[in-house]
Amino acid sequence: MNSLLLSGVVISLEPIRYTPAGIPLLSFVLQHASEQTEAGLKRKVECEVNAVAIGEIAKQNIQPGSNIKAKGFLAKRSAKSTQLVFHIEQLHIEKLEIQNI
């Protein structure tokens, strides 16, 4: 099974582009930070993950600074590459609540 569920902040975003078949494609970098328990010990986890949204998901209002939760799978960037990319199949953009002071 190849399934990934990850939350984080969009830290960089490329302009939307289209495949030769006319399908929208959006590439961005997702920064994740959390605390996980491993072998009974708490561990701080931080990473940056290259991500791609294809099709209708690419048309959502993803902006730098957006907090998102995404589900998808990992795949090589290309046939000759060993670099992994997170292919997003489901996406939730968390809305920021503005508090009046």
PDB file of N, CA and C in Angstrom:
ATOM      1  N   MET A   1       0.838  -1.181   0.000  1.00  0.00           N
ATOM      2  CA  MET A   1       0.000   0.000   0.000  1.00  0.00           C
ATOM      3  C   MET A   1       0.875   1.233   0.000  1.00  0.00           C
ATOM      4  N   ASN A   2       0.474   2.257  -0.728  1.00  0.00           N
ATOM      5  CA  ASN A   2       1.193   3.517  -0.821  1.00  0.00           C
ATOM      6  C   ASN A   2       0.179   4.623  -0.558  1.00  0.00           C
ATOM      7  N   SER A   3       0.122   5.060   0.705  1.00  0.00           N
ATOM      8  CA  SER A   3      -0.843   6.080   1.093  1.00  0.00           C
ATOM      9  C   SER A   3      -0.189   7.015   2.098  1.00  0.00           C
ATOM     10  N   LEU A   4      -0.426   8.306   1.943  1.00  0.00           N
ATOM     11  CA  LEU A   4       0.174   9.300   2.818  1.00  0.00           C
ATOM     12  C   LEU A   4      -0.870  10.327   3.200  1.00  0.00           C
ATOM     13  N   LEU A   5      -0.933  10.653   4.499  1.00  0.00           N
ATOM     14  CA  LEU A   5      -1.803  11.700   5.022  1.00  0.00           C
ATOM     15  C   LEU A   5      -0.891  12.681   5.729  1.00  0.00           C
ATOM     16  N   LEU A   6      -0.903  13.939   5.305  1.00  0.00           N
ATOM     17  CA  LEU A   6       0.050  14.917   5.816  1.00  0.00           C
ATOM     18  C   LEU A   6      -0.604  16.284   5.900  1.00  0.00           C
ATOM     19  N   SER A   7      -0.285  17.013   6.963  1.00  0.00           N
ATOM     20  CA  SER A   7      -0.747  18.390   7.089  1.00  0.00           C
ATOM     21  C   SER A   7       0.478  19.293   7.115  1.00  0.00           C
ATOM     22  N   GLY A   8       0.271  20.542   6.755  1.00  0.00           N
ATOM     23  CA  GLY A   8       1.374  21.481   6.775  1.00  0.00           C
ATOM     24  C   GLY A   8       1.014  22.803   6.137  1.00  0.00           C
ATOM     25  N   VAL A   9       2.049  23.601   5.925  1.00  0.00           N
ATOM     26  CA  VAL A   9       1.905  24.943   5.359  1.00  0.00           C
ATOM     27  C   VAL A   9       2.568  24.972   3.986  1.00  0.00           C
ATOM     28  N   VAL A  10       1.889  25.557   3.021  1.00  0.00           N
ATOM     29  CA  VAL A  10       2.452  25.720   1.677  1.00  0.00           C
ATOM     30  C   VAL A  10       3.499  26.824   1.759  1.00  0.00           C
ATOM     31  N   ILE A  11       4.765  26.487   1.481  1.00  0.00           N
ATOM     32  CA  ILE A  11       5.827  27.488   1.601  1.00  0.00           C
ATOM     33  C   ILE A  11       6.305  28.022   0.252  1.00  0.00           C
ATOM     34  N   SER A  12       6.060  27.294  -0.822  1.00  0.00           N
ATOM     35  CA  SER A  12       6.355  27.821  -2.157  1.00  0.00           C
ATOM     36  C   SER A  12       5.387  27.192  -3.135  1.00  0.00           C
ATOM     37  N   LEU A  13       5.098  27.939  -4.192  1.00  0.00           N
ATOM     38  CA  LEU A  13       4.066  27.540  -5.127  1.00  0.00           C
ATOM     39  C   LEU A  13       4.478  27.964  -6.525  1.00  0.00           C
ATOM     40  N   GLU A  14       4.456  27.028  -7.460  1.00  0.00           N
ATOM     41  CA  GLU A  14       4.747  27.350  -8.854  1.00  0.00           C
ATOM     42  C   GLU A  14       3.449  27.774  -9.551  1.00  0.00           C
ATOM     43  N   PRO A  15       3.533  28.532 -10.618  1.00  0.00           N
ATOM     44  CA  PRO A  15       2.313  28.866 -11.372  1.00  0.00           C
ATOM     45  C   PRO A  15       1.662  27.599 -11.923  1.00  0.00           C
ATOM     46  N   ILE A  16       0.352  27.616 -11.991  1.00  0.00           N
ATOM     47  CA  ILE A  16      -0.369  26.466 -12.532  1.00  0.00           C
ATOM     48  C   ILE A  16       0.040  26.278 -13.991  1.00  0.00           C
ATOM     49  N   ARG A  17       0.201  25.015 -14.393  1.00  0.00           N
ATOM     50  CA  ARG A  17       0.518  24.728 -15.788  1.00  0.00           C
ATOM     51  C   ARG A  17      -0.409  23.615 -16.250  1.00  0.00           C
ATOM     52  N   TYR A  18      -0.322  23.265 -17.512  1.00  0.00           N
ATOM     53  CA  TYR A  18      -1.233  22.272 -18.079  1.00  0.00           C
ATOM     54  C   TYR A  18      -0.439  21.181 -18.782  1.00  0.00           C
ATOM     55  N   THR A  19      -0.884  19.939 -18.617  1.00  0.00           N
ATOM     56  CA  THR A  19      -0.254  18.812 -19.292  1.00  0.00           C
ATOM     57  C   THR A  19      -0.575  18.901 -20.783  1.00  0.00           C
ATOM     58  N   PRO A  20       0.119  18.121 -21.624  1.00  0.00           N
ATOM     59  CA  PRO A  20      -0.216  18.122 -23.057  1.00  0.00           C
ATOM     60  C   PRO A  20      -1.684  17.759 -23.332  1.00  0.00           C
ATOM     61  N   ALA A  21      -2.304  17.035 -22.388  1.00  0.00           N
ATOM     62  CA  ALA A  21      -3.721  16.675 -22.536  1.00  0.00           C
ATOM     63  C   ALA A  21      -4.651  17.777 -22.026  1.00  0.00           C
ATOM     64  N   GLY A  22      -4.072  18.891 -21.539  1.00  0.00           N
ATOM     65  CA  GLY A  22      -4.878  20.017 -21.069  1.00  0.00           C
ATOM     66  C   GLY A  22      -5.329  19.915 -19.620  1.00  0.00           C
ATOM     67  N   ILE A  23      -4.731  19.020 -18.848  1.00  0.00           N
ATOM     68  CA  ILE A  23      -5.113  18.843 -17.445  1.00  0.00           C
ATOM     69  C   ILE A  23      -4.285  19.794 -16.577  1.00  0.00           C
ATOM     70  N   PRO A  24      -4.943  20.564 -15.676  1.00  0.00           N
ATOM     71  CA  PRO A  24      -4.195  21.489 -14.821  1.00  0.00           C
ATOM     72  C   PRO A  24      -3.299  20.747 -13.835  1.00  0.00           C
ATOM     73  N   LEU A  25      -2.122  21.323 -13.570  1.00  0.00           N
ATOM     74  CA  LEU A  25      -1.136  20.717 -12.684  1.00  0.00           C
ATOM     75  C   LEU A  25      -0.514  21.824 -11.844  1.00  0.00           C
ATOM     76  N   LEU A  26      -0.508  21.630 -10.533  1.00  0.00           N
ATOM     77  CA  LEU A  26       0.040  22.622  -9.616  1.00  0.00           C
ATOM     78  C   LEU A  26       1.091  21.968  -8.745  1.00  0.00           C
ATOM     79  N   SER A  27       2.308  22.507  -8.755  1.00  0.00           N
ATOM     80  CA  SER A  27       3.407  21.992  -7.932  1.00  0.00           C
ATOM     81  C   SER A  27       3.685  22.965  -6.797  1.00  0.00           C
ATOM     82  N   PHE A  28       3.931  22.427  -5.605  1.00  0.00           N
ATOM     83  CA  PHE A  28       4.253  23.284  -4.467  1.00  0.00           C
ATOM     84  C   PHE A  28       5.049  22.497  -3.438  1.00  0.00           C
ATOM     85  N   VAL A  29       5.549  23.195  -2.428  1.00  0.00           N
ATOM     86  CA  VAL A  29       6.295  22.565  -1.341  1.00  0.00           C
ATOM     87  C   VAL A  29       5.474  22.715  -0.071  1.00  0.00           C
ATOM     88  N   LEU A  30       5.292  21.601   0.632  1.00  0.00           N
ATOM     89  CA  LEU A  30       4.530  21.560   1.874  1.00  0.00           C
ATOM     90  C   LEU A  30       5.503  21.369   3.036  1.00  0.00           C
ATOM     91  N   GLN A  31       5.438  22.270   4.011  1.00  0.00           N
ATOM     92  CA  GLN A  31       6.299  22.181   5.194  1.00  0.00           C
ATOM     93  C   GLN A  31       5.472  21.628   6.356  1.00  0.00           C
ATOM     94  N   HIS A  32       5.969  20.567   6.958  1.00  0.00           N
ATOM     95  CA  HIS A  32       5.261  19.897   8.050  1.00  0.00           C
ATOM     96  C   HIS A  32       6.090  19.977   9.326  1.00  0.00           C
ATOM     97  N   ALA A  33       5.422  20.188  10.472  1.00  0.00           N
ATOM     98  CA  ALA A  33       6.074  20.143  11.777  1.00  0.00           C
ATOM     99  C   ALA A  33       5.081  19.543  12.770  1.00  0.00           C
ATOM    100  N   SER A  34       5.534  18.567  13.547  1.00  0.00           N
ATOM    101  CA  SER A  34       4.678  17.940  14.546  1.00  0.00           C
ATOM    102  C   SER A  34       5.540  17.253  15.592  1.00  0.00           C
ATOM    103  N   GLU A  35       4.860  16.698  16.594  1.00  0.00           N
ATOM    104  CA  GLU A  35       5.529  15.875  17.587  1.00  0.00           C
ATOM    105  C   GLU A  35       4.939  14.481  17.486  1.00  0.00           C
ATOM    106  N   GLN A  36       5.784  13.478  17.326  1.00  0.00           N
ATOM    107  CA  GLN A  36       5.355  12.095  17.160  1.00  0.00           C
ATOM    108  C   GLN A  36       5.956  11.254  18.284  1.00  0.00           C
ATOM    109  N   THR A  37       5.296  10.141  18.578  1.00  0.00           N
ATOM    110  CA  THR A  37       5.818   9.199  19.558  1.00  0.00           C
ATOM    111  C   THR A  37       6.412   8.016  18.808  1.00  0.00           C
ATOM    112  N   GLU A  38       7.680   7.747  19.090  1.00  0.00           N
ATOM    113  CA  GLU A  38       8.393   6.642  18.445  1.00  0.00           C
ATOM    114  C   GLU A  38       9.124   5.860  19.526  1.00  0.00           C
ATOM    115  N   ALA A  39       8.874   4.574  19.585  1.00  0.00           N
ATOM    116  CA  ALA A  39       9.491   3.695  20.586  1.00  0.00           C
ATOM    117  C   ALA A  39       9.270   4.235  22.002  1.00  0.00           C
ATOM    118  N   GLY A  40       8.089   4.813  22.225  1.00  0.00           N
ATOM    119  CA  GLY A  40       7.731   5.330  23.539  1.00  0.00           C
ATOM    120  C   GLY A  40       8.305   6.694  23.867  1.00  0.00           C
ATOM    121  N   LEU A  41       9.048   7.280  22.950  1.00  0.00           N
ATOM    122  CA  LEU A  41       9.653   8.590  23.183  1.00  0.00           C
ATOM    123  C   LEU A  41       9.057   9.624  22.251  1.00  0.00           C
ATOM    124  N   LYS A  42       8.905  10.858  22.752  1.00  0.00           N
ATOM    125  CA  LYS A  42       8.394  11.938  21.909  1.00  0.00           C
ATOM    126  C   LYS A  42       9.528  12.478  21.054  1.00  0.00           C
ATOM    127  N   ARG A  43       9.186  12.760  19.815  1.00  0.00           N
ATOM    128  CA  ARG A  43      10.181  13.224  18.858  1.00  0.00           C
ATOM    129  C   ARG A  43       9.590  14.357  18.041  1.00  0.00           C
ATOM    130  N   LYS A  44      10.340  15.443  17.896  1.00  0.00           N
ATOM    131  CA  LYS A  44       9.916  16.554  17.054  1.00  0.00           C
ATOM    132  C   LYS A  44      10.244  16.195  15.605  1.00  0.00           C
ATOM    133  N   VAL A  45       9.260  16.345  14.724  1.00  0.00           N
ATOM    134  CA  VAL A  45       9.428  15.977  13.319  1.00  0.00           C
ATOM    135  C   VAL A  45       9.199  17.211  12.458  1.00  0.00           C
ATOM    136  N   GLU A  46      10.136  17.490  11.573  1.00  0.00           N
ATOM    137  CA  GLU A  46      10.000  18.590  10.618  1.00  0.00           C
ATOM    138  C   GLU A  46      10.466  18.093   9.258  1.00  0.00           C
ATOM    139  N   CYS A  47       9.740  18.476   8.196  1.00  0.00           N
ATOM    140  CA  CYS A  47      10.173  18.102   6.850  1.00  0.00           C
ATOM    141  C   CYS A  47       9.523  19.026   5.827  1.00  0.00           C
ATOM    142  N   GLU A  48      10.115  19.053   4.660  1.00  0.00           N
ATOM    143  CA  GLU A  48       9.552  19.745   3.507  1.00  0.00           C
ATOM    144  C   GLU A  48       9.356  18.701   2.422  1.00  0.00           C
ATOM    145  N   VAL A  49       8.151  18.681   1.837  1.00  0.00           N
ATOM    146  CA  VAL A  49       7.787  17.662   0.869  1.00  0.00           C
ATOM    147  C   VAL A  49       7.348  18.328  -0.430  1.00  0.00           C
ATOM    148  N   ASN A  50       7.934  17.895  -1.542  1.00  0.00           N
ATOM    149  CA  ASN A  50       7.465  18.356  -2.852  1.00  0.00           C
ATOM    150  C   ASN A  50       6.123  17.698  -3.123  1.00  0.00           C
ATOM    151  N   ALA A  51       5.152  18.495  -3.560  1.00  0.00           N
ATOM    152  CA  ALA A  51       3.804  17.976  -3.788  1.00  0.00           C
ATOM    153  C   ALA A  51       3.291  18.435  -5.145  1.00  0.00           C
ATOM    154  N   VAL A  52       2.334  17.662  -5.674  1.00  0.00           N
ATOM    155  CA  VAL A  52       1.706  18.014  -6.941  1.00  0.00           C
ATOM    156  C   VAL A  52       0.215  17.703  -6.835  1.00  0.00           C
ATOM    157  N   ALA A  53      -0.595  18.636  -7.323  1.00  0.00           N
ATOM    158  CA  ALA A  53      -2.046  18.455  -7.410  1.00  0.00           C
ATOM    159  C   ALA A  53      -2.408  18.497  -8.888  1.00  0.00           C
ATOM    160  N   ILE A  54      -3.158  17.492  -9.337  1.00  0.00           N
ATOM    161  CA  ILE A  54      -3.501  17.388 -10.758  1.00  0.00           C
ATOM    162  C   ILE A  54      -5.017  17.344 -10.904  1.00  0.00           C
ATOM    163  N   GLY A  55      -5.524  17.984 -11.938  1.00  0.00           N
ATOM    164  CA  GLY A  55      -6.964  17.976 -12.204  1.00  0.00           C
ATOM    165  C   GLY A  55      -7.684  19.047 -11.407  1.00  0.00           C
ATOM    166  N   GLU A  56      -8.897  18.740 -10.958  1.00  0.00           N
ATOM    167  CA  GLU A  56      -9.725  19.713 -10.243  1.00  0.00           C
ATOM    168  C   GLU A  56      -9.075  20.194  -8.957  1.00  0.00           C
ATOM    169  N   ILE A  57      -8.308  19.335  -8.299  1.00  0.00           N
ATOM    170  CA  ILE A  57      -7.636  19.737  -7.053  1.00  0.00           C
ATOM    171  C   ILE A  57      -6.680  20.894  -7.309  1.00  0.00           C
ATOM    172  N   ALA A  58      -6.047  20.915  -8.467  1.00  0.00           N
ATOM    173  CA  ALA A  58      -5.100  21.982  -8.813  1.00  0.00           C
ATOM    174  C   ALA A  58      -5.786  23.343  -8.929  1.00  0.00           C
ATOM    175  N   LYS A  59      -7.084  23.353  -9.128  1.00  0.00           N
ATOM    176  CA  LYS A  59      -7.823  24.605  -9.295  1.00  0.00           C
ATOM    177  C   LYS A  59      -8.293  25.209  -7.975  1.00  0.00           C
ATOM    178  N   GLN A  60      -8.078  24.497  -6.858  1.00  0.00           N
ATOM    179  CA  GLN A  60      -8.472  25.043  -5.561  1.00  0.00           C
ATOM    180  C   GLN A  60      -7.588  26.230  -5.218  1.00  0.00           C
ATOM    181  N   ASN A  61      -8.043  27.035  -4.301  1.00  0.00           N
ATOM    182  CA  ASN A  61      -7.347  28.277  -3.956  1.00  0.00           C
ATOM    183  C   ASN A  61      -6.174  28.016  -3.010  1.00  0.00           C
ATOM    184  N   ILE A  62      -5.165  27.334  -3.506  1.00  0.00           N
ATOM    185  CA  ILE A  62      -3.953  27.075  -2.722  1.00  0.00           C
ATOM    186  C   ILE A  62      -3.027  28.274  -2.888  1.00  0.00           C
ATOM    187  N   GLN A  63      -2.617  28.846  -1.766  1.00  0.00           N
ATOM    188  CA  GLN A  63      -1.750  30.018  -1.766  1.00  0.00           C
ATOM    189  C   GLN A  63      -0.565  29.770  -0.834  1.00  0.00           C
ATOM    190  N   PRO A  64       0.554  30.468  -1.043  1.00  0.00           N
ATOM    191  CA  PRO A  64       1.635  30.380  -0.059  1.00  0.00           C
ATOM    192  C   PRO A  64       1.097  30.797   1.309  1.00  0.00           C
ATOM    193  N   GLY A  65       1.428  30.032   2.334  1.00  0.00           N
ATOM    194  CA  GLY A  65       0.928  30.296   3.677  1.00  0.00           C
ATOM    195  C   GLY A  65      -0.325  29.526   4.021  1.00  0.00           C
ATOM    196  N   SER A  66      -0.952  28.876   3.029  1.00  0.00           N
ATOM    197  CA  SER A  66      -2.153  28.080   3.289  1.00  0.00           C
ATOM    198  C   SER A  66      -1.813  26.892   4.173  1.00  0.00           C
ATOM    199  N   ASN A  67      -2.649  26.648   5.184  1.00  0.00           N
ATOM    200  CA  ASN A  67      -2.556  25.432   6.002  1.00  0.00           C
ATOM    201  C   ASN A  67      -3.440  24.396   5.342  1.00  0.00           C
ATOM    202  N   ILE A  68      -2.867  23.255   5.010  1.00  0.00           N
ATOM    203  CA  ILE A  68      -3.655  22.229   4.322  1.00  0.00           C
ATOM    204  C   ILE A  68      -3.495  20.868   4.984  1.00  0.00           C
ATOM    205  N   LYS A  69      -4.491  20.019   4.754  1.00  0.00           N
ATOM    206  CA  LYS A  69      -4.415  18.601   5.072  1.00  0.00           C
ATOM    207  C   LYS A  69      -4.599  17.890   3.751  1.00  0.00           C
ATOM    208  N   ALA A  70      -3.706  16.968   3.436  1.00  0.00           N
ATOM    209  CA  ALA A  70      -3.741  16.299   2.136  1.00  0.00           C
ATOM    210  C   ALA A  70      -3.574  14.797   2.283  1.00  0.00           C
ATOM    211  N   LYS A  71      -4.217  14.078   1.379  1.00  0.00           N
ATOM    212  CA  LYS A  71      -4.091  12.625   1.314  1.00  0.00           C
ATOM    213  C   LYS A  71      -3.735  12.259  -0.111  1.00  0.00           C
ATOM    214  N   GLY A  72      -2.815  11.312  -0.262  1.00  0.00           N
ATOM    215  CA  GLY A  72      -2.413  10.896  -1.593  1.00  0.00           C
ATOM    216  C   GLY A  72      -1.393   9.776  -1.531  1.00  0.00           C
ATOM    217  N   PHE A  73      -0.467   9.792  -2.475  1.00  0.00           N
ATOM    218  CA  PHE A  73       0.536   8.729  -2.563  1.00  0.00           C
ATOM    219  C   PHE A  73       1.877   9.316  -2.987  1.00  0.00           C
ATOM    220  N   LEU A  74       2.933   8.557  -2.779  1.00  0.00           N
ATOM    221  CA  LEU A  74       4.282   8.955  -3.184  1.00  0.00           C
ATOM    222  C   LEU A  74       4.658   8.273  -4.486  1.00  0.00           C
ATOM    223  N   ALA A  75       5.341   9.017  -5.360  1.00  0.00           N
ATOM    224  CA  ALA A  75       5.835   8.461  -6.627  1.00  0.00           C
ATOM    225  C   ALA A  75       7.124   9.181  -6.997  1.00  0.00           C
ATOM    226  N   LYS A  76       7.927   8.537  -7.844  1.00  0.00           N
ATOM    227  CA  LYS A  76       9.145   9.180  -8.330  1.00  0.00           C
ATOM    228  C   LYS A  76       8.783  10.383  -9.198  1.00  0.00           C
ATOM    229  N   ARG A  77       9.642  11.402  -9.151  1.00  0.00           N
ATOM    230  CA  ARG A  77       9.412  12.612  -9.949  1.00  0.00           C
ATOM    231  C   ARG A  77       9.323  12.283 -11.439  1.00  0.00           C
ATOM    232  N   SER A  78      10.177  11.358 -11.888  1.00  0.00           N
ATOM    233  CA  SER A  78      10.173  10.927 -13.293  1.00  0.00           C
ATOM    234  C   SER A  78      10.750   9.516 -13.359  1.00  0.00           C
ATOM    235  N   ALA A  79      10.716   8.936 -14.526  1.00  0.00           N
ATOM    236  CA  ALA A  79      11.206   7.560 -14.689  1.00  0.00           C
ATOM    237  C   ALA A  79      12.686   7.430 -14.329  1.00  0.00           C
ATOM    238  N   LYS A  80      13.466   8.487 -14.538  1.00  0.00           N
ATOM    239  CA  LYS A  80      14.910   8.418 -14.289  1.00  0.00           C
ATOM    240  C   LYS A  80      15.320   9.031 -12.952  1.00  0.00           C
ATOM    241  N   SER A  81      14.363   9.476 -12.160  1.00  0.00           N
ATOM    242  CA  SER A  81      14.657  10.147 -10.899  1.00  0.00           C
ATOM    243  C   SER A  81      14.386   9.226  -9.718  1.00  0.00           C
ATOM    244  N   THR A  82      15.094   9.447  -8.625  1.00  0.00           N
ATOM    245  CA  THR A  82      14.801   8.737  -7.386  1.00  0.00           C
ATOM    246  C   THR A  82      14.120   9.674  -6.382  1.00  0.00           C
ATOM    247  N   GLN A  83      13.968  10.950  -6.732  1.00  0.00           N
ATOM    248  CA  GLN A  83      13.326  11.922  -5.845  1.00  0.00           C
ATOM    249  C   GLN A  83      11.818  11.655  -5.781  1.00  0.00           C
ATOM    250  N   LEU A  84      11.268  11.651  -4.555  1.00  0.00           N
ATOM    251  CA  LEU A  84       9.853  11.394  -4.373  1.00  0.00           C
ATOM    252  C   LEU A  84       9.016  12.665  -4.400  1.00  0.00           C
ATOM    253  N   VAL A  85       7.784  12.540  -4.889  1.00  0.00           N
ATOM    254  CA  VAL A  85       6.821  13.635  -4.928  1.00  0.00           C
ATOM    255  C   VAL A  85       5.503  13.112  -4.355  1.00  0.00           C
ATOM    256  N   PHE A  86       4.868  13.938  -3.527  1.00  0.00           N
ATOM    257  CA  PHE A  86       3.576  13.624  -2.923  1.00  0.00           C
ATOM    258  C   PHE A  86       2.484  14.003  -3.922  1.00  0.00           C
ATOM    259  N   HIS A  87       1.780  13.021  -4.468  1.00  0.00           N
ATOM    260  CA  HIS A  87       0.678  13.245  -5.412  1.00  0.00           C
ATOM    261  C   HIS A  87      -0.616  13.332  -4.607  1.00  0.00           C
ATOM    262  N   ILE A  88      -1.224  14.497  -4.593  1.00  0.00           N
ATOM    263  CA  ILE A  88      -2.395  14.737  -3.756  1.00  0.00           C
ATOM    264  C   ILE A  88      -3.672  14.317  -4.469  1.00  0.00           C
ATOM    265  N   GLU A  89      -4.461  13.500  -3.772  1.00  0.00           N
ATOM    266  CA  GLU A  89      -5.747  13.036  -4.291  1.00  0.00           C
ATOM    267  C   GLU A  89      -6.927  13.681  -3.565  1.00  0.00           C
ATOM    268  N   GLN A  90      -6.717  14.047  -2.301  1.00  0.00           N
ATOM    269  CA  GLN A  90      -7.740  14.737  -1.513  1.00  0.00           C
ATOM    270  C   GLN A  90      -7.070  15.887  -0.793  1.00  0.00           C
ATOM    271  N   LEU A  91      -7.766  17.030  -0.722  1.00  0.00           N
ATOM    272  CA  LEU A  91      -7.164  18.231  -0.149  1.00  0.00           C
ATOM    273  C   LEU A  91      -8.201  19.012   0.638  1.00  0.00           C
ATOM    274  N   HIS A  92      -7.800  19.463   1.820  1.00  0.00           N
ATOM    275  CA  HIS A  92      -8.637  20.341   2.629  1.00  0.00           C
ATOM    276  C   HIS A  92      -7.796  21.556   3.002  1.00  0.00           C
ATOM    277  N   ILE A  93      -8.258  22.737   2.630  1.00  0.00           N
ATOM    278  CA  ILE A  93      -7.570  23.977   2.996  1.00  0.00           C
ATOM    279  C   ILE A  93      -8.234  24.490   4.260  1.00  0.00           C
ATOM    280  N   GLU A  94      -7.440  24.636   5.323  1.00  0.00           N
ATOM    281  CA  GLU A  94      -7.975  25.110   6.590  1.00  0.00           C
ATOM    282  C   GLU A  94      -8.146  26.617   6.523  1.00  0.00           C
ATOM    283  N   LYS A  95      -9.318  27.088   6.925  1.00  0.00           N
ATOM    284  CA  LYS A  95      -9.589  28.511   6.922  1.00  0.00           C
ATOM    285  C   LYS A  95      -9.044  29.136   8.191  1.00  0.00           C
ATOM    286  N   LEU A  96      -8.386  30.260   8.031  1.00  0.00           N
ATOM    287  CA  LEU A  96      -7.854  30.973   9.179  1.00  0.00           C
ATOM    288  C   LEU A  96      -8.961  31.816   9.790  1.00  0.00           C
ATOM    289  N   GLU A  97      -9.061  31.749  11.123  1.00  0.00           N
ATOM    290  CA  GLU A  97     -10.040  32.565  11.814  1.00  0.00           C
ATOM    291  C   GLU A  97      -9.372  33.865  12.218  1.00  0.00           C
ATOM    292  N   ILE A  98     -10.005  34.976  11.856  1.00  0.00           N
ATOM    293  CA  ILE A  98      -9.470  36.295  12.205  1.00  0.00           C
ATOM    294  C   ILE A  98     -10.171  36.759  13.483  1.00  0.00           C
ATOM    295  N   GLN A  99      -9.369  37.072  14.483  1.00  0.00           N
ATOM    296  CA  GLN A  99      -9.939  37.504  15.749  1.00  0.00           C
ATOM    297  C   GLN A  99      -9.845  39.009  15.864  1.00  0.00           C
ATOM    298  N   ASN A 100     -10.936  39.633  16.249  1.00  0.00           N
ATOM    299  CA  ASN A 100     -10.939  41.080  16.488  1.00  0.00           C
ATOM    300  C   ASN A 100     -10.483  41.357  17.913  1.00  0.00           C
ATOM    301  N   ILE A 101      -9.564  42.291  18.035  1.00  0.00           N
ATOM    302  CA  ILE A 101      -9.052  42.628  19.375  1.00  0.00           C
ATOM    303  C   ILE A 101      -9.560  43.988  19.769  1.00  0.00           C
TER     304      ILE A 101
END
